[in-house]
PDB file of N, CA and C in Angstrom:
ATOM      1  N   GLN A   1       0.838  -1.190   0.000  1.00  0.00           N
ATOM      2  CA  GLN A   1       0.000   0.000   0.000  1.00  0.00           C
ATOM      3  C   GLN A   1       0.877   1.247   0.000  1.00  0.00           C
ATOM      4  N   VAL A   2       0.614   2.139  -0.967  1.00  0.00           N
ATOM      5  CA  VAL A   2       1.387   3.365  -1.076  1.00  0.00           C
ATOM      6  C   VAL A   2       0.951   4.363  -0.010  1.00  0.00           C
ATOM      7  N   GLN A   3       1.942   4.928   0.672  1.00  0.00           N
ATOM      8  CA  GLN A   3       1.659   5.971   1.650  1.00  0.00           C
ATOM      9  C   GLN A   3       2.714   7.052   1.618  1.00  0.00           C
ATOM     10  N   LEU A   4       2.269   8.277   1.774  1.00  0.00           N
ATOM     11  CA  LEU A   4       3.133   9.424   2.038  1.00  0.00           C
ATOM     12  C   LEU A   4       2.572  10.086   3.287  1.00  0.00           C
ATOM     13  N   VAL A   5       3.366  10.146   4.329  1.00  0.00           N
ATOM     14  CA  VAL A   5       2.886  10.674   5.603  1.00  0.00           C
ATOM     15  C   VAL A   5       3.747  11.857   6.023  1.00  0.00           C
ATOM     16  N   GLU A   6       3.132  13.042   6.000  1.00  0.00           N
ATOM     17  CA  GLU A   6       3.845  14.252   6.408  1.00  0.00           C
ATOM     18  C   GLU A   6       3.759  14.438   7.922  1.00  0.00           C
ATOM     19  N   SER A   7       4.780  15.082   8.471  1.00  0.00           N
ATOM     20  CA  SER A   7       4.792  15.433   9.883  1.00  0.00           C
ATOM     21  C   SER A   7       5.690  16.647  10.084  1.00  0.00           C
ATOM     22  N   GLY A   8       5.604  17.238  11.277  1.00  0.00           N
ATOM     23  CA  GLY A   8       6.488  18.343  11.618  1.00  0.00           C
ATOM     24  C   GLY A   8       5.856  19.719  11.555  1.00  0.00           C
ATOM     25  N   GLY A   9       4.618  19.793  11.112  1.00  0.00           N
ATOM     26  CA  GLY A   9       3.941  21.087  11.075  1.00  0.00           C
ATOM     27  C   GLY A   9       3.580  21.559  12.474  1.00  0.00           C
ATOM     28  N   GLY A  10       3.113  22.810  12.544  1.00  0.00           N
ATOM     29  CA  GLY A  10       2.713  23.359  13.835  1.00  0.00           C
ATOM     30  C   GLY A  10       2.636  24.865  13.787  1.00  0.00           C
ATOM     31  N   LEU A  11       2.568  25.446  14.973  1.00  0.00           N
ATOM     32  CA  LEU A  11       2.503  26.897  15.131  1.00  0.00           C
ATOM     33  C   LEU A  11       3.890  27.417  15.489  1.00  0.00           C
ATOM     34  N   VAL A  12       4.337  28.431  14.772  1.00  0.00           N
ATOM     35  CA  VAL A  12       5.659  29.007  15.015  1.00  0.00           C
ATOM     36  C   VAL A  12       5.573  30.521  14.860  1.00  0.00           C
ATOM     37  N   GLN A  13       6.406  31.235  15.599  1.00  0.00           N
ATOM     38  CA  GLN A  13       6.424  32.688  15.493  1.00  0.00           C
ATOM     39  C   GLN A  13       7.181  33.129  14.247  1.00  0.00           C
ATOM     40  N   PRO A  14       6.867  34.304  13.744  1.00  0.00           N
ATOM     41  CA  PRO A  14       7.641  34.834  12.603  1.00  0.00           C
ATOM     42  C   PRO A  14       9.129  34.849  12.929  1.00  0.00           C
ATOM     43  N   GLY A  15       9.930  34.443  11.939  1.00  0.00           N
ATOM     44  CA  GLY A  15      11.366  34.339  12.131  1.00  0.00           C
ATOM     45  C   GLY A  15      11.820  32.983  12.624  1.00  0.00           C
ATOM     46  N   GLY A  16      10.878  32.137  13.006  1.00  0.00           N
ATOM     47  CA  GLY A  16      11.209  30.813  13.517  1.00  0.00           C
ATOM     48  C   GLY A  16      11.461  29.799  12.421  1.00  0.00           C
ATOM     49  N   SER A  17      11.679  28.563  12.863  1.00  0.00           N
ATOM     50  CA  SER A  17      12.013  27.471  11.934  1.00  0.00           C
ATOM     51  C   SER A  17      11.158  26.246  12.230  1.00  0.00           C
ATOM     52  N   LEU A  18      10.931  25.466  11.187  1.00  0.00           N
ATOM     53  CA  LEU A  18      10.299  24.158  11.297  1.00  0.00           C
ATOM     54  C   LEU A  18      10.959  23.240  10.286  1.00  0.00           C
ATOM     55  N   ARG A  19      10.956  21.943  10.595  1.00  0.00           N
ATOM     56  CA  ARG A  19      11.393  20.957   9.614  1.00  0.00           C
ATOM     57  C   ARG A  19      10.255  19.969   9.380  1.00  0.00           C
ATOM     58  N   LEU A  20       9.799  19.926   8.149  1.00  0.00           N
ATOM     59  CA  LEU A  20       8.768  18.975   7.756  1.00  0.00           C
ATOM     60  C   LEU A  20       9.429  17.696   7.254  1.00  0.00           C
ATOM     61  N   SER A  21       8.765  16.583   7.524  1.00  0.00           N
ATOM     62  CA  SER A  21       9.216  15.283   7.026  1.00  0.00           C
ATOM     63  C   SER A  21       8.075  14.625   6.267  1.00  0.00           C
ATOM     64  N   CYS A  22       8.435  13.833   5.291  1.00  0.00           N
ATOM     65  CA  CYS A  22       7.456  13.050   4.541  1.00  0.00           C
ATOM     66  C   CYS A  22       8.015  11.639   4.381  1.00  0.00           C
ATOM     67  N   ALA A  23       7.409  10.709   5.075  1.00  0.00           N
ATOM     68  CA  ALA A  23       7.854   9.317   5.050  1.00  0.00           C
ATOM     69  C   ALA A  23       7.068   8.541   4.005  1.00  0.00           C
ATOM     70  N   ALA A  24       7.788   7.851   3.134  1.00  0.00           N
ATOM     71  CA  ALA A  24       7.173   7.135   2.025  1.00  0.00           C
ATOM     72  C   ALA A  24       7.226   5.628   2.253  1.00  0.00           C
ATOM     73  N   SER A  25       6.240   4.938   1.717  1.00  0.00           N
ATOM     74  CA  SER A  25       6.236   3.478   1.746  1.00  0.00           C
ATOM     75  C   SER A  25       5.392   2.963   0.593  1.00  0.00           C
ATOM     76  N   GLY A  26       5.679   1.729   0.184  1.00  0.00           N
ATOM     77  CA  GLY A  26       4.866   1.090  -0.844  1.00  0.00           C
ATOM     78  C   GLY A  26       5.304   1.332  -2.272  1.00  0.00           C
ATOM     79  N   PHE A  27       6.411   2.063  -2.474  1.00  0.00           N
ATOM     80  CA  PHE A  27       6.938   2.264  -3.827  1.00  0.00           C
ATOM     81  C   PHE A  27       8.445   2.504  -3.719  1.00  0.00           C
ATOM     82  N   THR A  28       9.125   2.468  -4.867  1.00  0.00           N
ATOM     83  CA  THR A  28      10.590   2.613  -4.889  1.00  0.00           C
ATOM     84  C   THR A  28      10.945   4.097  -4.806  1.00  0.00           C
ATOM     85  N   PHE A  29      11.078   4.559  -3.587  1.00  0.00           N
ATOM     86  CA  PHE A  29      11.261   5.986  -3.300  1.00  0.00           C
ATOM     87  C   PHE A  29      12.413   6.593  -4.091  1.00  0.00           C
ATOM     88  N   SER A  30      13.511   5.898  -4.207  1.00  0.00           N
ATOM     89  CA  SER A  30      14.713   6.477  -4.825  1.00  0.00           C
ATOM     90  C   SER A  30      14.520   6.797  -6.303  1.00  0.00           C
ATOM     91  N   ASN A  31      13.511   6.218  -6.941  1.00  0.00           N
ATOM     92  CA  ASN A  31      13.256   6.458  -8.364  1.00  0.00           C
ATOM     93  C   ASN A  31      12.376   7.679  -8.625  1.00  0.00           C
ATOM     94  N   TYR A  32      11.847   8.269  -7.558  1.00  0.00           N
ATOM     95  CA  TYR A  32      10.831   9.309  -7.694  1.00  0.00           C
ATOM     96  C   TYR A  32      11.401  10.705  -7.465  1.00  0.00           C
ATOM     97  N   VAL A  33      10.913  11.647  -8.269  1.00  0.00           N
ATOM     98  CA  VAL A  33      11.102  13.056  -7.984  1.00  0.00           C
ATOM     99  C   VAL A  33      10.158  13.408  -6.835  1.00  0.00           C
ATOM    100  N   MET A  34      10.675  14.147  -5.869  1.00  0.00           N
ATOM    101  CA  MET A  34       9.865  14.504  -4.705  1.00  0.00           C
ATOM    102  C   MET A  34       9.651  16.020  -4.673  1.00  0.00           C
ATOM    103  N   LYS A  35       8.453  16.402  -4.349  1.00  0.00           N
ATOM    104  CA  LYS A  35       8.087  17.829  -4.327  1.00  0.00           C
ATOM    105  C   LYS A  35       7.343  18.167  -3.041  1.00  0.00           C
ATOM    106  N   TRP A  36       7.470  19.402  -2.610  1.00  0.00           N
ATOM    107  CA  TRP A  36       6.626  19.971  -1.565  1.00  0.00           C
ATOM    108  C   TRP A  36       5.776  21.060  -2.199  1.00  0.00           C
ATOM    109  N   TYR A  37       4.480  20.983  -1.938  1.00  0.00           N
ATOM    110  CA  TYR A  37       3.525  22.011  -2.338  1.00  0.00           C
ATOM    111  C   TYR A  37       2.926  22.612  -1.067  1.00  0.00           C
ATOM    112  N   ARG A  38       2.267  23.744  -1.236  1.00  0.00           N
ATOM    113  CA  ARG A  38       1.498  24.305  -0.126  1.00  0.00           C
ATOM    114  C   ARG A  38       0.233  24.959  -0.662  1.00  0.00           C
ATOM    115  N   GLN A  39      -0.761  25.026   0.214  1.00  0.00           N
ATOM    116  CA  GLN A  39      -2.022  25.658  -0.156  1.00  0.00           C
ATOM    117  C   GLN A  39      -2.540  26.462   1.020  1.00  0.00           C
ATOM    118  N   ALA A  40      -2.630  27.761   0.810  1.00  0.00           N
ATOM    119  CA  ALA A  40      -3.178  28.648   1.822  1.00  0.00           C
ATOM    120  C   ALA A  40      -4.686  28.781   1.612  1.00  0.00           C
ATOM    121  N   PRO A  41      -5.433  29.144   2.642  1.00  0.00           N
ATOM    122  CA  PRO A  41      -6.885  29.281   2.504  1.00  0.00           C
ATOM    123  C   PRO A  41      -7.250  30.242   1.379  1.00  0.00           C
ATOM    124  N   GLY A  42      -8.144  29.803   0.491  1.00  0.00           N
ATOM    125  CA  GLY A  42      -8.613  30.642  -0.596  1.00  0.00           C
ATOM    126  C   GLY A  42      -7.652  30.803  -1.754  1.00  0.00           C
ATOM    127  N   LYS A  43      -6.529  30.078  -1.697  1.00  0.00           N
ATOM    128  CA  LYS A  43      -5.528  30.194  -2.765  1.00  0.00           C
ATOM    129  C   LYS A  43      -5.302  28.839  -3.426  1.00  0.00           C
ATOM    130  N   GLU A  44      -4.720  28.888  -4.626  1.00  0.00           N
ATOM    131  CA  GLU A  44      -4.393  27.660  -5.330  1.00  0.00           C
ATOM    132  C   GLU A  44      -3.158  27.003  -4.707  1.00  0.00           C
ATOM    133  N   ARG A  45      -3.080  25.692  -4.907  1.00  0.00           N
ATOM    134  CA  ARG A  45      -1.888  24.984  -4.437  1.00  0.00           C
ATOM    135  C   ARG A  45      -0.694  25.433  -5.257  1.00  0.00           C
ATOM    136  N   GLU A  46       0.423  25.702  -4.582  1.00  0.00           N
ATOM    137  CA  GLU A  46       1.622  26.161  -5.282  1.00  0.00           C
ATOM    138  C   GLU A  46       2.806  25.263  -4.973  1.00  0.00           C
ATOM    139  N   LEU A  47       3.674  25.118  -5.967  1.00  0.00           N
ATOM    140  CA  LEU A  47       4.883  24.324  -5.813  1.00  0.00           C
ATOM    141  C   LEU A  47       5.915  25.123  -5.022  1.00  0.00           C
ATOM    142  N   VAL A  48       6.456  24.501  -3.982  1.00  0.00           N
ATOM    143  CA  VAL A  48       7.429  25.165  -3.116  1.00  0.00           C
ATOM    144  C   VAL A  48       8.853  24.730  -3.441  1.00  0.00           C
ATOM    145  N   ALA A  49       9.060  23.420  -3.560  1.00  0.00           N
ATOM    146  CA  ALA A  49      10.421  22.920  -3.760  1.00  0.00           C
ATOM    147  C   ALA A  49      10.380  21.546  -4.413  1.00  0.00           C
ATOM    148  N   THR A  50      11.439  21.252  -5.172  1.00  0.00           N
ATOM    149  CA  THR A  50      11.587  19.983  -5.889  1.00  0.00           C
ATOM    150  C   THR A  50      12.978  19.428  -5.646  1.00  0.00           C
ATOM    151  N   ILE A  51      13.060  18.107  -5.461  1.00  0.00           N
ATOM    152  CA  ILE A  51      14.355  17.439  -5.438  1.00  0.00           C
ATOM    153  C   ILE A  51      14.266  16.226  -6.349  1.00  0.00           C
ATOM    154  N   ARG A  52      15.240  16.123  -7.266  1.00  0.00           N
ATOM    155  CA  ARG A  52      15.204  15.069  -8.264  1.00  0.00           C
ATOM    156  C   ARG A  52      16.001  13.851  -7.803  1.00  0.00           C
ATOM    157  N   VAL A  53      16.010  12.840  -8.650  1.00  0.00           N
ATOM    158  CA  VAL A  53      16.700  11.593  -8.322  1.00  0.00           C
ATOM    159  C   VAL A  53      18.178  11.846  -8.071  1.00  0.00           C
ATOM    160  N   GLY A  54      18.785  12.739  -8.826  1.00  0.00           N
ATOM    161  CA  GLY A  54      20.202  13.054  -8.649  1.00  0.00           C
ATOM    162  C   GLY A  54      20.476  14.129  -7.616  1.00  0.00           C
ATOM    163  N   ASP A  55      19.458  14.507  -6.835  1.00  0.00           N
ATOM    164  CA  ASP A  55      19.545  15.493  -5.746  1.00  0.00           C
ATOM    165  C   ASP A  55      19.626  16.941  -6.205  1.00  0.00           C
ATOM    166  N   SER A  56      19.404  17.211  -7.492  1.00  0.00           N
ATOM    167  CA  SER A  56      19.298  18.614  -7.883  1.00  0.00           C
ATOM    168  C   SER A  56      17.980  19.173  -7.358  1.00  0.00           C
ATOM    169  N   THR A  57      17.975  20.465  -7.066  1.00  0.00           N
ATOM    170  CA  THR A  57      16.811  21.074  -6.413  1.00  0.00           C
ATOM    171  C   THR A  57      16.366  22.350  -7.126  1.00  0.00           C
ATOM    172  N   ASN A  58      15.110  22.691  -6.915  1.00  0.00           N
ATOM    173  CA  ASN A  58      14.543  23.955  -7.377  1.00  0.00           C
ATOM    174  C   ASN A  58      13.610  24.485  -6.303  1.00  0.00           C
ATOM    175  N   TYR A  59      13.492  25.818  -6.249  1.00  0.00           N
ATOM    176  CA  TYR A  59      12.646  26.453  -5.250  1.00  0.00           C
ATOM    177  C   TYR A  59      11.796  27.552  -5.868  1.00  0.00           C
ATOM    178  N   ALA A  60      10.639  27.760  -5.273  1.00  0.00           N
ATOM    179  CA  ALA A  60       9.852  28.925  -5.627  1.00  0.00           C
ATOM    180  C   ALA A  60      10.617  30.178  -5.192  1.00  0.00           C
ATOM    181  N   ASP A  61      10.462  31.252  -5.935  1.00  0.00           N
ATOM    182  CA  ASP A  61      11.171  32.488  -5.601  1.00  0.00           C
ATOM    183  C   ASP A  61      10.831  32.958  -4.189  1.00  0.00           C
ATOM    184  N   SER A  62       9.607  32.701  -3.759  1.00  0.00           N
ATOM    185  CA  SER A  62       9.149  33.187  -2.466  1.00  0.00           C
ATOM    186  C   SER A  62       9.849  32.516  -1.282  1.00  0.00           C
ATOM    187  N   VAL A  63      10.474  31.364  -1.511  1.00  0.00           N
ATOM    188  CA  VAL A  63      11.114  30.642  -0.405  1.00  0.00           C
ATOM    189  C   VAL A  63      12.616  30.485  -0.611  1.00  0.00           C
ATOM    190  N   LYS A  64      13.123  30.909  -1.749  1.00  0.00           N
ATOM    191  CA  LYS A  64      14.547  30.730  -2.069  1.00  0.00           C
ATOM    192  C   LYS A  64      15.411  31.411  -1.009  1.00  0.00           C
ATOM    193  N   GLY A  65      16.401  30.672  -0.527  1.00  0.00           N
ATOM    194  CA  GLY A  65      17.289  31.206   0.500  1.00  0.00           C
ATOM    195  C   GLY A  65      16.799  30.973   1.917  1.00  0.00           C
ATOM    196  N   ARG A  66      15.540  30.554   2.067  1.00  0.00           N
ATOM    197  CA  ARG A  66      14.973  30.307   3.402  1.00  0.00           C
ATOM    198  C   ARG A  66      14.638  28.829   3.617  1.00  0.00           C
ATOM    199  N   PHE A  67      14.214  28.151   2.565  1.00  0.00           N
ATOM    200  CA  PHE A  67      13.799  26.752   2.662  1.00  0.00           C
ATOM    201  C   PHE A  67      14.847  25.864   1.984  1.00  0.00           C
ATOM    202  N   THR A  68      15.011  24.653   2.513  1.00  0.00           N
ATOM    203  CA  THR A  68      15.909  23.669   1.922  1.00  0.00           C
ATOM    204  C   THR A  68      15.218  22.316   1.863  1.00  0.00           C
ATOM    205  N   ILE A  69      15.171  21.737   0.670  1.00  0.00           N
ATOM    206  CA  ILE A  69      14.613  20.401   0.498  1.00  0.00           C
ATOM    207  C   ILE A  69      15.768  19.401   0.450  1.00  0.00           C
ATOM    208  N   SER A  70      15.555  18.245   1.065  1.00  0.00           N
ATOM    209  CA  SER A  70      16.569  17.201   1.035  1.00  0.00           C
ATOM    210  C   SER A  70      15.862  15.847   1.087  1.00  0.00           C
ATOM    211  N   ARG A  71      16.620  14.793   0.784  1.00  0.00           N
ATOM    212  CA  ARG A  71      16.026  13.460   0.804  1.00  0.00           C
ATOM    213  C   ARG A  71      17.015  12.470   1.384  1.00  0.00           C
ATOM    214  N   ASP A  72      16.491  11.437   2.009  1.00  0.00           N
ATOM    215  CA  ASP A  72      17.282  10.326   2.522  1.00  0.00           C
ATOM    216  C   ASP A  72      16.664   9.065   1.935  1.00  0.00           C
ATOM    217  N   ASN A  73      17.303   8.541   0.906  1.00  0.00           N
ATOM    218  CA  ASN A  73      16.726   7.378   0.221  1.00  0.00           C
ATOM    219  C   ASN A  73      16.719   6.132   1.113  1.00  0.00           C
ATOM    220  N   ALA A  74      17.693   6.030   1.992  1.00  0.00           N
ATOM    221  CA  ALA A  74      17.735   4.869   2.889  1.00  0.00           C
ATOM    222  C   ALA A  74      16.536   4.879   3.846  1.00  0.00           C
ATOM    223  N   LYS A  75      16.121   6.071   4.272  1.00  0.00           N
ATOM    224  CA  LYS A  75      14.978   6.196   5.180  1.00  0.00           C
ATOM    225  C   LYS A  75      13.671   6.429   4.427  1.00  0.00           C
ATOM    226  N   LYS A  76      13.763   6.573   3.086  1.00  0.00           N
ATOM    227  CA  LYS A  76      12.576   6.822   2.262  1.00  0.00           C
ATOM    228  C   LYS A  76      11.823   8.043   2.771  1.00  0.00           C
ATOM    229  N   THR A  77      12.571   9.090   3.004  1.00  0.00           N
ATOM    230  CA  THR A  77      11.998  10.303   3.581  1.00  0.00           C
ATOM    231  C   THR A  77      12.523  11.542   2.852  1.00  0.00           C
ATOM    232  N   VAL A  78      11.638  12.490   2.644  1.00  0.00           N
ATOM    233  CA  VAL A  78      12.023  13.793   2.120  1.00  0.00           C
ATOM    234  C   VAL A  78      11.719  14.840   3.193  1.00  0.00           C
ATOM    235  N   TYR A  79      12.578  15.847   3.262  1.00  0.00           N
ATOM    236  CA  TYR A  79      12.480  16.870   4.299  1.00  0.00           C
ATOM    237  C   TYR A  79      12.326  18.251   3.666  1.00  0.00           C
ATOM    238  N   LEU A  80      11.751  19.145   4.436  1.00  0.00           N
ATOM    239  CA  LEU A  80      11.722  20.548   4.059  1.00  0.00           C
ATOM    240  C   LEU A  80      12.095  21.361   5.293  1.00  0.00           C
ATOM    241  N   GLN A  81      13.317  21.876   5.299  1.00  0.00           N
ATOM    242  CA  GLN A  81      13.768  22.744   6.377  1.00  0.00           C
ATOM    243  C   GLN A  81      13.324  24.161   6.053  1.00  0.00           C
ATOM    244  N   MET A  82      12.566  24.746   6.953  1.00  0.00           N
ATOM    245  CA  MET A  82      12.006  26.082   6.720  1.00  0.00           C
ATOM    246  C   MET A  82      12.529  27.028   7.791  1.00  0.00           C
ATOM    247  N   ASN A  83      13.297  28.022   7.360  1.00  0.00           N
ATOM    248  CA  ASN A  83      13.869  29.016   8.260  1.00  0.00           C
ATOM    249  C   ASN A  83      13.291  30.399   7.948  1.00  0.00           C
ATOM    250  N   SER A  84      13.485  31.315   8.876  1.00  0.00           N
ATOM    251  CA  SER A  84      13.018  32.701   8.700  1.00  0.00           C
ATOM    252  C   SER A  84      11.567  32.739   8.233  1.00  0.00           C
ATOM    253  N   LEU A  85      10.731  31.993   8.910  1.00  0.00           N
ATOM    254  CA  LEU A  85       9.340  31.863   8.484  1.00  0.00           C
ATOM    255  C   LEU A  85       8.591  33.183   8.602  1.00  0.00           C
ATOM    256  N   LYS A  86       7.677  33.367   7.662  1.00  0.00           N
ATOM    257  CA  LYS A  86       6.863  34.588   7.582  1.00  0.00           C
ATOM    258  C   LYS A  86       5.387  34.214   7.690  1.00  0.00           C
ATOM    259  N   PRO A  87       4.554  35.154   8.094  1.00  0.00           N
ATOM    260  CA  PRO A  87       3.109  34.845   8.151  1.00  0.00           C
ATOM    261  C   PRO A  87       2.561  34.344   6.817  1.00  0.00           C
ATOM    262  N   GLU A  88       3.105  34.828   5.726  1.00  0.00           N
ATOM    263  CA  GLU A  88       2.623  34.394   4.412  1.00  0.00           C
ATOM    264  C   GLU A  88       3.029  32.969   4.056  1.00  0.00           C
ATOM    265  N   ASP A  89       3.843  32.336   4.888  1.00  0.00           N
ATOM    266  CA  ASP A  89       4.163  30.919   4.706  1.00  0.00           C
ATOM    267  C   ASP A  89       3.086  30.014   5.303  1.00  0.00           C
ATOM    268  N   THR A  90       2.124  30.598   5.993  1.00  0.00           N
ATOM    269  CA  THR A  90       1.045  29.814   6.583  1.00  0.00           C
ATOM    270  C   THR A  90       0.246  29.094   5.497  1.00  0.00           C
ATOM    271  N   ALA A  91       0.139  27.777   5.644  1.00  0.00           N
ATOM    272  CA  ALA A  91      -0.526  26.961   4.625  1.00  0.00           C
ATOM    273  C   ALA A  91      -0.534  25.508   5.098  1.00  0.00           C
ATOM    274  N   VAL A  92      -1.276  24.690   4.373  1.00  0.00           N
ATOM    275  CA  VAL A  92      -1.128  23.236   4.497  1.00  0.00           C
ATOM    276  C   VAL A  92      -0.050  22.824   3.496  1.00  0.00           C
ATOM    277  N   TYR A  93       0.933  22.089   3.985  1.00  0.00           N
ATOM    278  CA  TYR A  93       2.053  21.646   3.154  1.00  0.00           C
ATOM    279  C   TYR A  93       1.859  20.176   2.790  1.00  0.00           C
ATOM    280  N   TYR A  94       2.015  19.905   1.492  1.00  0.00           N
ATOM    281  CA  TYR A  94       1.787  18.567   0.959  1.00  0.00           C
ATOM    282  C   TYR A  94       3.053  18.012   0.318  1.00  0.00           C
ATOM    283  N   CYS A  95       3.261  16.741   0.523  1.00  0.00           N
ATOM    284  CA  CYS A  95       4.346  16.014  -0.106  1.00  0.00           C
ATOM    285  C   CYS A  95       3.796  15.332  -1.365  1.00  0.00           C
ATOM    286  N   ASN A  96       4.600  15.330  -2.430  1.00  0.00           N
ATOM    287  CA  ASN A  96       4.183  14.749  -3.711  1.00  0.00           C
ATOM    288  C   ASN A  96       5.327  13.942  -4.291  1.00  0.00           C
ATOM    289  N   ALA A  97       5.033  12.740  -4.745  1.00  0.00           N
ATOM    290  CA  ALA A  97       6.025  11.877  -5.385  1.00  0.00           C
ATOM    291  C   ALA A  97       5.638  11.710  -6.844  1.00  0.00           C
ATOM    292  N   ILE A  98       6.603  11.937  -7.734  1.00  0.00           N
ATOM    293  CA  ILE A  98       6.332  11.900  -9.178  1.00  0.00           C
ATOM    294  C   ILE A  98       7.265  10.902  -9.860  1.00  0.00           C
ATOM    295  N   TYR A  99       6.663  10.067 -10.747  1.00  0.00           N
ATOM    296  CA  TYR A  99       7.466   9.181 -11.611  1.00  0.00           C
ATOM    297  C   TYR A  99       6.764   9.127 -12.958  1.00  0.00           C
ATOM    298  N   GLY A 100       7.374   9.696 -13.959  1.00  0.00           N
ATOM    299  CA  GLY A 100       6.712   9.793 -15.245  1.00  0.00           C
ATOM    300  C   GLY A 100       5.487  10.685 -15.137  1.00  0.00           C
ATOM    301  N   ILE A 101       4.337  10.164 -15.557  1.00  0.00           N
ATOM    302  CA  ILE A 101       3.115  10.956 -15.503  1.00  0.00           C
ATOM    303  C   ILE A 101       2.269  10.614 -14.292  1.00  0.00           C
ATOM    304  N   GLY A 102       2.749   9.668 -13.479  1.00  0.00           N
ATOM    305  CA  GLY A 102       1.968   9.276 -12.304  1.00  0.00           C
ATOM    306  C   GLY A 102       2.603   9.758 -11.019  1.00  0.00           C
ATOM    307  N   GLY A 103       1.862   9.653  -9.937  1.00  0.00           N
ATOM    308  CA  GLY A 103       2.428  10.065  -8.663  1.00  0.00           C
ATOM    309  C   GLY A 103       1.464   9.890  -7.515  1.00  0.00           C
ATOM    310  N   TYR A 104       1.939  10.306  -6.332  1.00  0.00           N
ATOM    311  CA  TYR A 104       1.179  10.132  -5.112  1.00  0.00           C
ATOM    312  C   TYR A 104       1.232  11.416  -4.289  1.00  0.00           C
ATOM    313  N   TRP A 105       0.217  11.578  -3.430  1.00  0.00           N
ATOM    314  CA  TRP A 105       0.125  12.740  -2.540  1.00  0.00           C
ATOM    315  C   TRP A 105      -0.016  12.287  -1.093  1.00  0.00           C
ATOM    316  N   GLY A 106       0.541  13.079  -0.209  1.00  0.00           N
ATOM    317  CA  GLY A 106       0.290  12.905   1.209  1.00  0.00           C
ATOM    318  C   GLY A 106      -0.965  13.658   1.618  1.00  0.00           C
ATOM    319  N   GLN A 107      -1.284  13.548   2.913  1.00  0.00           N
ATOM    320  CA  GLN A 107      -2.527  14.142   3.408  1.00  0.00           C
ATOM    321  C   GLN A 107      -2.348  15.599   3.847  1.00  0.00           C
ATOM    322  N   GLY A 108      -1.102  16.028   3.966  1.00  0.00           N
ATOM    323  CA  GLY A 108      -0.829  17.417   4.319  1.00  0.00           C
ATOM    324  C   GLY A 108      -0.564  17.622   5.792  1.00  0.00           C
ATOM    325  N   THR A 109       0.198  18.667   6.096  1.00  0.00           N
ATOM    326  CA  THR A 109       0.458  19.068   7.473  1.00  0.00           C
ATOM    327  C   THR A 109       0.345  20.584   7.555  1.00  0.00           C
ATOM    328  N   GLN A 110      -0.319  21.070   8.605  1.00  0.00           N
ATOM    329  CA  GLN A 110      -0.584  22.500   8.736  1.00  0.00           C
ATOM    330  C   GLN A 110       0.622  23.214   9.322  1.00  0.00           C
ATOM    331  N   VAL A 111       1.002  24.309   8.680  1.00  0.00           N
ATOM    332  CA  VAL A 111       2.024  25.210   9.201  1.00  0.00           C
ATOM    333  C   VAL A 111       1.377  26.572   9.402  1.00  0.00           C
ATOM    334  N   THR A 112       1.457  27.087  10.620  1.00  0.00           N
ATOM    335  CA  THR A 112       0.901  28.395  10.930  1.00  0.00           C
ATOM    336  C   THR A 112       2.000  29.264  11.512  1.00  0.00           C
ATOM    337  N   VAL A 113       2.217  30.413  10.868  1.00  0.00           N
ATOM    338  CA  VAL A 113       3.238  31.356  11.322  1.00  0.00           C
ATOM    339  C   VAL A 113       2.515  32.588  11.859  1.00  0.00           C
ATOM    340  N   SER A 114       2.589  32.769  13.154  1.00  0.00           N
ATOM    341  CA  SER A 114       1.842  33.843  13.785  1.00  0.00           C
ATOM    342  C   SER A 114       2.441  34.170  15.138  1.00  0.00           C
ATOM    343  N   SER A 115       2.346  35.438  15.509  1.00  0.00           N
ATOM    344  CA  SER A 115       2.790  35.856  16.831  1.00  0.00           C
ATOM    345  C   SER A 115       1.620  35.847  17.817  1.00  0.00           C
TER     346      SER A 115
END
């Protein structure tokens, strides 16, 4: 059974940090491109960060220099380190696994940045 399970979300003050994790099971994790998306209330889901099979990465301009995506193929886990958080980073964060034209989604984890 394929699963992507996100964790690590929560409430943090502006300027703080969180590390999100996404644990995968049921498929060959190392073959998949992994992405983090987020969706704020009333807004469309947006791509935040991508890490490919060879560990190359891409980031949305809004998070560049603050967020870092990484993966551990042995643990079948992808991470999103989020530093210098801003209120506009508040959203549900989703993990996505892509292989060719198919893929899987996690259930999401809430991140709230507020004082």
